[in-house]
Amino acid sequence: MEKDISVNDVKIHKEEPSNEGNIMVSEDVYIIVTKAFCPNGHNLIGNGGHTFDGYPGIKLKVSSDSTEGYLEVSPFHGDHRRHGVSFENGEKVKIMCPECESEFPVLGKCNCQKGHLHTIYLTEKLSETHMIAVCDQWGCYLSRVIDDNDLFSEFIDDEWENS
C-alpha cells in the first residue's frame, strides 16, 4: 500500500548534494555516505572490512553499561543493516570513534523522544553544514543527512510503519 508523505514531515532537496559533503546519490534513489569523520578527524569509512552492496561500511565503537564493541553500519541512508556488537532495543548507548574513542557531539533531541542525535561529520573540516545525525537509542532508526545546512534527507520509518 502506498503511503502519502506530508510536506511538513520531509523537506525534499531537489538538487544534488555538494561534492564537499561526500554524499553520493545513485539513480536519484539512494543516498550513500562515502566519507565520515569523528570529532578528531579520523576516517570512519572502510576500516571494518564489511561491505554493503559493494560499498564500505561506517565503523563505530559503541558501548553501554553492560556491553562494548565495534559496529559497522551501512553507508546507505535508511538501510538498517549492520555488523558487530548488538544491544537490547531501547538501550542507551555511547557512540565513539573506533580509533581515538572520542564521543560524537550531541546535536539535539531525537524525534523518538528517548534519545539524542549525535553528529558524524562528512568532511575533514568537521562542520555541521555537512553531517549525519544518528540516535543513541539502540533500535531507533531515525537519522538525518545534512548538506550545506539543508536537510538533504530524513528517515521517518517509524512514522510510516505506524500510519
C-alpha atoms as a PDB file:
ATOM      1  CA  MET A   1       0.000   0.000   0.000  1.00  0.00           C
ATOM      2  CA  GLU A   2       1.431   3.367  -0.989  1.00  0.00           C
ATOM      3  CA  LYS A   3       1.611   5.988   1.755  1.00  0.00           C
ATOM      4  CA  ASP A   4       1.347   9.734   1.400  1.00  0.00           C
ATOM      5  CA  ILE A   5       4.193  11.884   2.686  1.00  0.00           C
ATOM      6  CA  SER A   6       3.322  15.177   4.317  1.00  0.00           C
ATOM      7  CA  VAL A   7       5.471  18.081   3.149  1.00  0.00           C
ATOM      8  CA  ASN A   8       5.558  19.171   6.792  1.00  0.00           C
ATOM      9  CA  ASP A   9       7.421  15.945   7.709  1.00  0.00           C
ATOM     10  CA  VAL A  10      10.050  15.892   4.973  1.00  0.00           C
ATOM     11  CA  LYS A  11      11.982  18.526   3.101  1.00  0.00           C
ATOM     12  CA  ILE A  12      12.758  17.290  -0.379  1.00  0.00           C
ATOM     13  CA  HIS A  13      16.093  18.535  -1.616  1.00  0.00           C
ATOM     14  CA  LYS A  14      15.790  18.777  -5.391  1.00  0.00           C
ATOM     15  CA  GLU A  15      19.458  19.453  -6.071  1.00  0.00           C
ATOM     16  CA  GLU A  16      22.394  17.112  -5.968  1.00  0.00           C
ATOM     17  CA  PRO A  17      24.346  17.308  -2.701  1.00  0.00           C
ATOM     18  CA  SER A  18      27.560  19.293  -2.759  1.00  0.00           C
ATOM     19  CA  ASN A  19      30.797  17.497  -3.568  1.00  0.00           C
ATOM     20  CA  GLU A  20      32.216  18.774  -0.296  1.00  0.00           C
ATOM     21  CA  GLY A  21      29.801  16.719   1.808  1.00  0.00           C
ATOM     22  CA  ASN A  22      30.982  13.380   0.374  1.00  0.00           C
ATOM     23  CA  ILE A  23      27.444  12.196  -0.329  1.00  0.00           C
ATOM     24  CA  MET A  24      26.589  10.330  -3.492  1.00  0.00           C
ATOM     25  CA  VAL A  25      23.096   9.981  -4.957  1.00  0.00           C
ATOM     26  CA  SER A  26      22.682   6.841  -7.023  1.00  0.00           C
ATOM     27  CA  GLU A  27      19.906   6.763  -9.620  1.00  0.00           C
ATOM     28  CA  ASP A  28      18.046   9.525  -7.732  1.00  0.00           C
ATOM     29  CA  VAL A  29      17.049   6.925  -5.127  1.00  0.00           C
ATOM     30  CA  TYR A  30      19.942   6.070  -2.798  1.00  0.00           C
ATOM     31  CA  ILE A  31      21.914   8.388  -0.556  1.00  0.00           C
ATOM     32  CA  ILE A  32      25.333   6.851   0.068  1.00  0.00           C
ATOM     33  CA  VAL A  33      27.850   8.289   2.542  1.00  0.00           C
ATOM     34  CA  THR A  34      31.327   7.984   1.043  1.00  0.00           C
ATOM     35  CA  LYS A  35      33.356   9.697   3.799  1.00  0.00           C
ATOM     36  CA  ALA A  36      32.677  10.154   7.513  1.00  0.00           C
ATOM     37  CA  PHE A  37      34.836  11.586  10.308  1.00  0.00           C
ATOM     38  CA  CYS A  38      34.991  11.659  14.107  1.00  0.00           C
ATOM     39  CA  PRO A  39      35.408  14.927  16.067  1.00  0.00           C
ATOM     40  CA  ASN A  40      39.201  14.487  15.800  1.00  0.00           C
ATOM     41  CA  GLY A  41      39.146  13.908  12.037  1.00  0.00           C
ATOM     42  CA  HIS A  42      39.648  10.128  11.927  1.00  0.00           C
ATOM     43  CA  ASN A  43      38.107   8.466   8.888  1.00  0.00           C
ATOM     44  CA  LEU A  44      35.287   6.020   9.753  1.00  0.00           C
ATOM     45  CA  ILE A  45      34.682   4.539   6.295  1.00  0.00           C
ATOM     46  CA  GLY A  46      36.176   1.230   5.199  1.00  0.00           C
ATOM     47  CA  ASN A  47      38.039   0.393   8.417  1.00  0.00           C
ATOM     48  CA  GLY A  48      35.942  -2.613   9.377  1.00  0.00           C
ATOM     49  CA  GLY A  49      36.186  -4.954   6.425  1.00  0.00           C
ATOM     50  CA  HIS A  50      32.455  -5.293   5.676  1.00  0.00           C
ATOM     51  CA  THR A  51      30.801  -4.025   2.535  1.00  0.00           C
ATOM     52  CA  PHE A  52      27.173  -3.241   1.876  1.00  0.00           C
ATOM     53  CA  ASP A  53      26.267  -3.843  -1.756  1.00  0.00           C
ATOM     54  CA  GLY A  54      29.897  -3.177  -2.647  1.00  0.00           C
ATOM     55  CA  TYR A  55      30.307  -0.015  -0.513  1.00  0.00           C
ATOM     56  CA  PRO A  56      32.437   0.031   2.669  1.00  0.00           C
ATOM     57  CA  GLY A  57      30.627   0.498   5.978  1.00  0.00           C
ATOM     58  CA  ILE A  58      30.916   3.192   8.645  1.00  0.00           C
ATOM     59  CA  LYS A  59      32.826   1.787  11.646  1.00  0.00           C
ATOM     60  CA  LEU A  60      31.928   2.978  15.145  1.00  0.00           C
ATOM     61  CA  LYS A  61      32.731   1.958  18.702  1.00  0.00           C
ATOM     62  CA  VAL A  62      29.524   1.593  20.713  1.00  0.00           C
ATOM     63  CA  SER A  63      29.105   0.910  24.426  1.00  0.00           C
ATOM     64  CA  SER A  64      26.511   0.683  27.168  1.00  0.00           C
ATOM     65  CA  ASP A  65      26.763  -0.088  30.867  1.00  0.00           C
ATOM     66  CA  SER A  66      26.872  -3.806  30.057  1.00  0.00           C
ATOM     67  CA  THR A  67      28.470  -4.205  26.610  1.00  0.00           C
ATOM     68  CA  GLU A  68      31.116  -2.603  24.417  1.00  0.00           C
ATOM     69  CA  GLY A  69      32.262  -3.373  20.908  1.00  0.00           C
ATOM     70  CA  TYR A  70      32.623  -2.341  17.306  1.00  0.00           C
ATOM     71  CA  LEU A  71      29.772  -1.801  14.922  1.00  0.00           C
ATOM     72  CA  GLU A  72      29.803  -1.311  11.203  1.00  0.00           C
ATOM     73  CA  VAL A  73      26.705   0.324   9.723  1.00  0.00           C
ATOM     74  CA  SER A  74      25.578   0.590   6.143  1.00  0.00           C
ATOM     75  CA  PRO A  75      26.619   3.752   4.271  1.00  0.00           C
ATOM     76  CA  PHE A  76      23.179   3.765   2.587  1.00  0.00           C
ATOM     77  CA  HIS A  77      20.878   6.236   4.330  1.00  0.00           C
ATOM     78  CA  GLY A  78      17.814   4.392   5.629  1.00  0.00           C
ATOM     79  CA  ASP A  79      19.428   0.940   5.393  1.00  0.00           C
ATOM     80  CA  HIS A  80      19.214  -0.884   8.751  1.00  0.00           C
ATOM     81  CA  ARG A  81      21.961  -3.415   8.025  1.00  0.00           C
ATOM     82  CA  ARG A  82      24.827  -3.551  10.485  1.00  0.00           C
ATOM     83  CA  HIS A  83      27.577  -5.935  11.590  1.00  0.00           C
ATOM     84  CA  GLY A  84      29.126  -6.267  15.014  1.00  0.00           C
ATOM     85  CA  VAL A  85      28.100  -5.622  18.596  1.00  0.00           C
ATOM     86  CA  SER A  86      24.406  -5.630  19.485  1.00  0.00           C
ATOM     87  CA  PHE A  87      22.301  -4.291  22.358  1.00  0.00           C
ATOM     88  CA  GLU A  88      18.755  -4.628  23.678  1.00  0.00           C
ATOM     89  CA  ASN A  89      16.241  -2.425  21.846  1.00  0.00           C
ATOM     90  CA  GLY A  90      15.757   0.804  23.771  1.00  0.00           C
ATOM     91  CA  GLU A  91      19.161   0.639  25.472  1.00  0.00           C
ATOM     92  CA  LYS A  92      21.028   3.956  25.617  1.00  0.00           C
ATOM     93  CA  VAL A  93      24.483   3.690  24.017  1.00  0.00           C
ATOM     94  CA  LYS A  94      27.596   5.817  23.700  1.00  0.00           C
ATOM     95  CA  ILE A  95      28.752   6.348  20.107  1.00  0.00           C
ATOM     96  CA  MET A  96      32.510   6.799  19.760  1.00  0.00           C
ATOM     97  CA  CYS A  97      35.328   6.862  17.242  1.00  0.00           C
ATOM     98  CA  PRO A  98      36.900   3.386  16.968  1.00  0.00           C
ATOM     99  CA  GLU A  99      40.376   4.925  16.753  1.00  0.00           C
ATOM    100  CA  CYS A 100      40.513   7.654  19.427  1.00  0.00           C
ATOM    101  CA  GLU A 101      37.345   6.760  21.398  1.00  0.00           C
ATOM    102  CA  SER A 102      36.076  10.357  21.278  1.00  0.00           C
ATOM    103  CA  GLU A 103      32.320  10.607  21.691  1.00  0.00           C
ATOM    104  CA  PHE A 104      30.381  12.243  18.898  1.00  0.00           C
ATOM    105  CA  PRO A 105      28.866  15.601  19.907  1.00  0.00           C
ATOM    106  CA  VAL A 106      25.154  15.888  20.668  1.00  0.00           C
ATOM    107  CA  LEU A 107      23.211  17.805  18.044  1.00  0.00           C
ATOM    108  CA  GLY A 108      19.865  17.725  19.863  1.00  0.00           C
ATOM    109  CA  LYS A 109      16.943  15.578  20.968  1.00  0.00           C
ATOM    110  CA  CYS A 110      15.818  12.844  18.582  1.00  0.00           C
ATOM    111  CA  ASN A 111      12.233  12.699  17.332  1.00  0.00           C
ATOM    112  CA  CYS A 112      11.915   9.297  19.035  1.00  0.00           C
ATOM    113  CA  GLN A 113      11.765  11.347  22.287  1.00  0.00           C
ATOM    114  CA  LYS A 114      14.052   8.844  24.049  1.00  0.00           C
ATOM    115  CA  GLY A 115      17.487   9.549  22.629  1.00  0.00           C
ATOM    116  CA  HIS A 116      19.752  12.275  21.345  1.00  0.00           C
ATOM    117  CA  LEU A 117      21.123  12.797  17.861  1.00  0.00           C
ATOM    118  CA  HIS A 118      24.914  12.737  17.584  1.00  0.00           C
ATOM    119  CA  THR A 119      26.950  14.387  14.835  1.00  0.00           C
ATOM    120  CA  ILE A 120      29.145  12.382  12.463  1.00  0.00           C
ATOM    121  CA  TYR A 121      30.960  14.753  10.140  1.00  0.00           C
ATOM    122  CA  LEU A 122      31.043  14.290   6.369  1.00  0.00           C
ATOM    123  CA  THR A 123      34.138  16.430   5.788  1.00  0.00           C
ATOM    124  CA  GLU A 124      37.546  16.786   7.398  1.00  0.00           C
ATOM    125  CA  LYS A 125      36.550  20.395   8.209  1.00  0.00           C
ATOM    126  CA  LEU A 126      34.239  18.948  10.919  1.00  0.00           C
ATOM    127  CA  SER A 127      31.471  21.360  10.019  1.00  0.00           C
ATOM    128  CA  GLU A 128      27.811  20.922  10.935  1.00  0.00           C
ATOM    129  CA  THR A 129      26.973  22.113   7.432  1.00  0.00           C
ATOM    130  CA  HIS A 130      27.910  18.595   6.239  1.00  0.00           C
ATOM    131  CA  MET A 131      26.940  15.834   8.664  1.00  0.00           C
ATOM    132  CA  ILE A 132      24.951  12.768   9.564  1.00  0.00           C
ATOM    133  CA  ALA A 133      22.926  12.786  12.771  1.00  0.00           C
ATOM    134  CA  VAL A 134      22.345   9.387  14.434  1.00  0.00           C
ATOM    135  CA  CYS A 135      20.341   8.483  17.547  1.00  0.00           C
ATOM    136  CA  ASP A 136      21.973   6.991  20.657  1.00  0.00           C
ATOM    137  CA  GLN A 137      18.872   4.908  21.482  1.00  0.00           C
ATOM    138  CA  TRP A 138      19.557   1.362  20.216  1.00  0.00           C
ATOM    139  CA  GLY A 139      16.848   0.330  17.790  1.00  0.00           C
ATOM    140  CA  CYS A 140      15.916   3.896  16.777  1.00  0.00           C
ATOM    141  CA  TYR A 141      16.490   4.262  13.066  1.00  0.00           C
ATOM    142  CA  LEU A 142      15.697   7.958  12.812  1.00  0.00           C
ATOM    143  CA  SER A 143      18.600   9.832  11.298  1.00  0.00           C
ATOM    144  CA  ARG A 144      19.348  12.817   9.118  1.00  0.00           C
ATOM    145  CA  VAL A 145      21.794  13.697   6.379  1.00  0.00           C
ATOM    146  CA  ILE A 146      22.523  17.420   6.214  1.00  0.00           C
ATOM    147  CA  ASP A 147      24.457  19.045   3.388  1.00  0.00           C
ATOM    148  CA  ASP A 148      25.156  22.779   3.066  1.00  0.00           C
ATOM    149  CA  ASN A 149      22.849  23.426   6.053  1.00  0.00           C
ATOM    150  CA  ASP A 150      19.895  21.897   4.157  1.00  0.00           C
ATOM    151  CA  LEU A 151      18.189  18.775   5.381  1.00  0.00           C
ATOM    152  CA  PHE A 152      19.053  16.509   2.469  1.00  0.00           C
ATOM    153  CA  SER A 153      17.142  13.540   3.811  1.00  0.00           C
ATOM    154  CA  GLU A 154      15.328  12.315   6.856  1.00  0.00           C
ATOM    155  CA  PHE A 155      14.435   8.729   7.510  1.00  0.00           C
ATOM    156  CA  ILE A 156      10.994   8.573   9.117  1.00  0.00           C
ATOM    157  CA  ASP A 157      10.445   4.813   9.007  1.00  0.00           C
ATOM    158  CA  ASP A 158       8.844   4.721  12.462  1.00  0.00           C
ATOM    159  CA  GLU A 159       6.081   7.112  11.397  1.00  0.00           C
ATOM    160  CA  TRP A 160       5.470   5.155   8.168  1.00  0.00           C
ATOM    161  CA  GLU A 161       5.213   1.821   9.991  1.00  0.00           C
ATOM    162  CA  ASN A 162       2.690   3.211  12.480  1.00  0.00           C
ATOM    163  CA  SER A 163       0.435   5.020   9.990  1.00  0.00           C
END
